[in-house]
C-alpha cells in the first residue's frame, strides 16, 4: 500500500486541515526556538506565548483530526499491538513521537531541577511536545486509513461523534 492510497482514504478535507494544523505546529515550534535563542537570559515570557499558543492549537488539531479518522472510517487502531500490520511510515512516526516525548520529559526534569531557570526548559519541552503530538495524530490517521484499505474489521462499534 502506498502513501497516496492512505491519503485518498482519509479524504481531501481532512488532509488539508491536518496539513494546515501541521504548519501551525511548525510555525509555533520555530517561534519558540527562535525566542529561546534570542532571549537566552531574559525572564520575560511574552516572546514564548505566541509560539506556544499557535503550536499547541495546531498540535491539538492534528491529534484530534487523526484520532477522529478512525471513528469516521469505522476501525479500531492499536498503534502498539498491531505494530507489524502498520506501514513503515506509521512506525517511524510513532518512534519519532516516542523520542520527542522523552526529550520533552528530559527538558521538564531540567526545569524541575532548576538547571537553566524555569523559563527556558519549559519552553524547550513545549517545542518538543508539539511535534510529538502532531506525529502521533498523523500516525493514528494513517494507521486508520491503512486498516480500512486492508479491510481490518472494527473490534468495537464506531462512535457516532
Protein backbone atom coordinates (compact mmCIF):
# COMPACT_ATOMS: atom_id res chain seq x y z
CA UNK A 1 0.00 0.00 0.00
CA UNK A 2 1.27 3.44 -0.89
CA UNK A 3 1.08 6.73 0.96
CA UNK A 4 -1.20 8.10 -1.75
CA UNK A 5 -3.72 5.31 -1.14
CA UNK A 6 -3.80 6.06 2.58
CA UNK A 7 -4.20 9.77 1.96
CA UNK A 8 -7.02 9.15 -0.51
CA UNK A 9 -8.88 7.13 2.13
CA UNK A 10 -8.58 9.98 4.66
CA UNK A 11 -10.12 12.49 2.25
CA UNK A 12 -9.00 15.83 0.87
CA UNK A 13 -10.70 17.95 3.50
CA UNK A 14 -9.14 16.11 6.45
CA UNK A 15 -5.72 16.08 4.79
CA UNK A 16 -5.92 19.81 4.13
CA UNK A 17 -6.89 20.57 7.72
CA UNK A 18 -4.18 18.27 9.11
CA UNK A 19 -1.60 19.89 6.83
CA UNK A 20 -2.61 23.40 7.89
CA UNK A 21 -2.51 22.37 11.54
CA UNK A 22 0.92 20.78 10.99
CA UNK A 23 2.12 24.06 9.50
CA UNK A 24 0.82 25.82 12.63
CA UNK A 25 2.81 23.35 14.76
CA UNK A 26 5.91 24.06 12.69
CA UNK A 27 5.40 27.84 12.96
CA UNK A 28 4.81 27.65 16.70
CA UNK A 29 7.82 25.42 17.27
CA UNK A 30 10.09 27.65 15.19
CA UNK A 31 8.79 30.70 17.05
CA UNK A 32 9.51 29.04 20.39
CA UNK A 33 13.01 28.00 19.34
CA UNK A 34 13.67 31.49 17.93
CA UNK A 35 12.55 33.06 21.21
CA UNK A 36 14.74 30.60 23.12
CA UNK A 37 17.77 31.56 21.07
CA UNK A 38 17.19 35.30 21.10
CA UNK A 39 16.01 35.66 24.71
CA UNK A 40 18.70 33.48 26.27
CA UNK A 41 18.89 35.21 29.67
CA UNK A 42 15.58 37.05 29.72
CA UNK A 43 12.88 36.39 32.32
CA UNK A 44 10.18 37.83 30.06
CA UNK A 45 7.68 35.17 28.99
CA UNK A 46 5.92 37.23 26.34
CA UNK A 47 8.06 36.10 23.34
CA UNK A 48 7.17 32.48 24.11
CA UNK A 49 3.41 32.95 24.35
CA UNK A 50 2.61 33.48 20.66
CA UNK A 51 4.55 30.42 19.55
CA UNK A 52 3.10 28.40 22.39
CA UNK A 53 -0.50 29.22 21.55
CA UNK A 54 -0.09 28.60 17.81
CA UNK A 55 1.88 25.38 18.32
CA UNK A 56 -0.48 23.98 20.92
CA UNK A 57 -3.58 24.77 18.86
CA UNK A 58 -2.05 23.12 15.80
CA UNK A 59 -0.92 20.09 17.79
CA UNK A 60 -4.35 19.52 19.27
CA UNK A 61 -5.98 19.98 15.87
CA UNK A 62 -3.74 17.37 14.21
CA UNK A 63 -4.20 14.92 17.08
CA UNK A 64 -7.97 15.34 17.13
CA UNK A 65 -8.30 15.01 13.36
CA UNK A 66 -6.04 11.94 13.31
CA UNK A 67 -7.90 10.13 16.07
CA UNK A 68 -11.31 11.06 14.66
CA UNK A 69 -10.30 9.43 11.37
CA UNK A 70 -10.51 6.01 12.99
CA UNK A 71 -14.03 6.71 14.22
CA UNK A 72 -15.09 8.12 10.87
CA UNK A 73 -13.67 5.15 8.97
CA UNK A 74 -15.11 2.67 11.49
CA UNK A 75 -11.89 0.93 12.52
CA UNK A 76 -10.08 0.44 15.80
CA UNK A 77 -6.43 1.43 15.70
CA UNK A 78 -3.95 0.00 18.16
CA UNK A 79 -0.57 1.50 17.37
CA UNK A 80 1.50 -0.86 19.52
CA UNK A 81 -0.50 -4.09 19.38
CA UNK A 82 -0.78 -4.08 15.60
CA UNK A 83 2.80 -2.87 15.14
CA UNK A 84 3.73 -5.20 12.28
CA UNK A 85 0.49 -4.59 10.40
CA UNK A 86 1.07 -0.84 10.10
CA UNK A 87 3.01 0.74 7.23
CA UNK A 88 6.61 1.80 7.84
CA UNK A 89 5.73 5.48 7.87
CA UNK A 90 3.34 4.95 10.78
CA UNK A 91 6.02 3.05 12.71
CA UNK A 92 8.58 5.79 12.03
CA UNK A 93 6.13 8.46 13.20
CA UNK A 94 5.41 6.54 16.40
CA UNK A 95 9.12 6.13 17.12
CA UNK A 96 9.78 9.84 16.45
CA UNK A 97 6.91 10.70 18.79
CA UNK A 98 8.40 8.48 21.49
CA UNK A 99 11.78 10.19 21.12
CA UNK A 100 10.12 13.60 21.24
CA UNK A 101 8.23 12.63 24.39
CA UNK A 102 11.46 11.50 26.04
CA UNK A 103 13.17 14.76 25.09
CA UNK A 104 10.22 16.71 26.45
CA UNK A 105 10.37 14.81 29.75
CA UNK A 106 14.11 15.46 29.95
CA UNK A 107 13.55 19.18 29.46
CA UNK A 108 10.87 19.20 32.14
CA UNK A 109 13.20 17.41 34.55
CA UNK A 110 15.81 20.10 33.84
CA UNK A 111 13.17 22.71 34.64
CA UNK A 112 12.29 20.96 37.89
CA UNK A 113 15.95 20.77 38.86
CA UNK A 114 16.42 24.46 38.02
CA UNK A 115 19.35 23.82 35.69
CA UNK A 116 18.70 26.76 33.34
CA UNK A 117 15.99 28.64 35.20
CA UNK A 118 12.27 27.97 34.92
CA UNK A 119 11.51 29.54 31.54
CA UNK A 120 13.93 28.01 29.07
CA UNK A 121 13.46 24.28 29.82
CA UNK A 122 9.67 24.51 29.90
CA UNK A 123 9.68 26.30 26.55
CA UNK A 124 12.07 23.69 25.21
CA UNK A 125 9.75 20.94 26.48
CA UNK A 126 6.86 22.59 24.65
CA UNK A 127 8.94 22.84 21.48
CA UNK A 128 9.45 19.05 21.65
CA UNK A 129 5.91 18.27 22.74
CA UNK A 130 4.01 19.97 19.91
CA UNK A 131 5.68 17.99 17.08
CA UNK A 132 5.27 14.83 19.19
CA UNK A 133 1.51 15.31 19.32
CA UNK A 134 1.37 16.12 15.62
CA UNK A 135 3.36 12.98 14.74
CA UNK A 136 1.00 10.83 16.79
CA UNK A 137 -2.02 12.41 15.12
CA UNK A 138 -0.63 11.69 11.66
CA UNK A 139 0.35 8.15 12.71
CA UNK A 140 -3.13 7.45 14.02
CA UNK A 141 -4.82 8.82 10.91
CA UNK A 142 -2.55 6.92 8.51
CA UNK A 143 -2.93 3.71 10.55
CA UNK A 144 -6.71 4.05 10.37
CA UNK A 145 -6.55 4.60 6.62
CA UNK A 146 -4.29 1.58 6.11
CA UNK A 147 -6.55 -0.58 8.27
CA UNK A 148 -9.50 0.49 6.16
CA UNK A 149 -7.60 -0.30 2.96
CA UNK A 150 -6.61 -3.73 4.30
CA UNK A 151 -10.19 -4.39 5.32
CA UNK A 152 -9.42 -4.86 9.01
CA UNK A 153 -12.75 -5.16 10.85
CA UNK A 154 -13.54 -2.95 13.79
CA UNK A 155 -13.35 -4.63 17.17
CA UNK A 156 -15.67 -2.09 18.73
CA UNK A 157 -18.61 -0.22 17.31
CA UNK A 158 -17.69 3.17 15.89
CA UNK A 159 -18.94 6.13 17.91
CA UNK A 160 -21.31 8.47 16.11
CA UNK A 161 -19.22 11.52 17.02
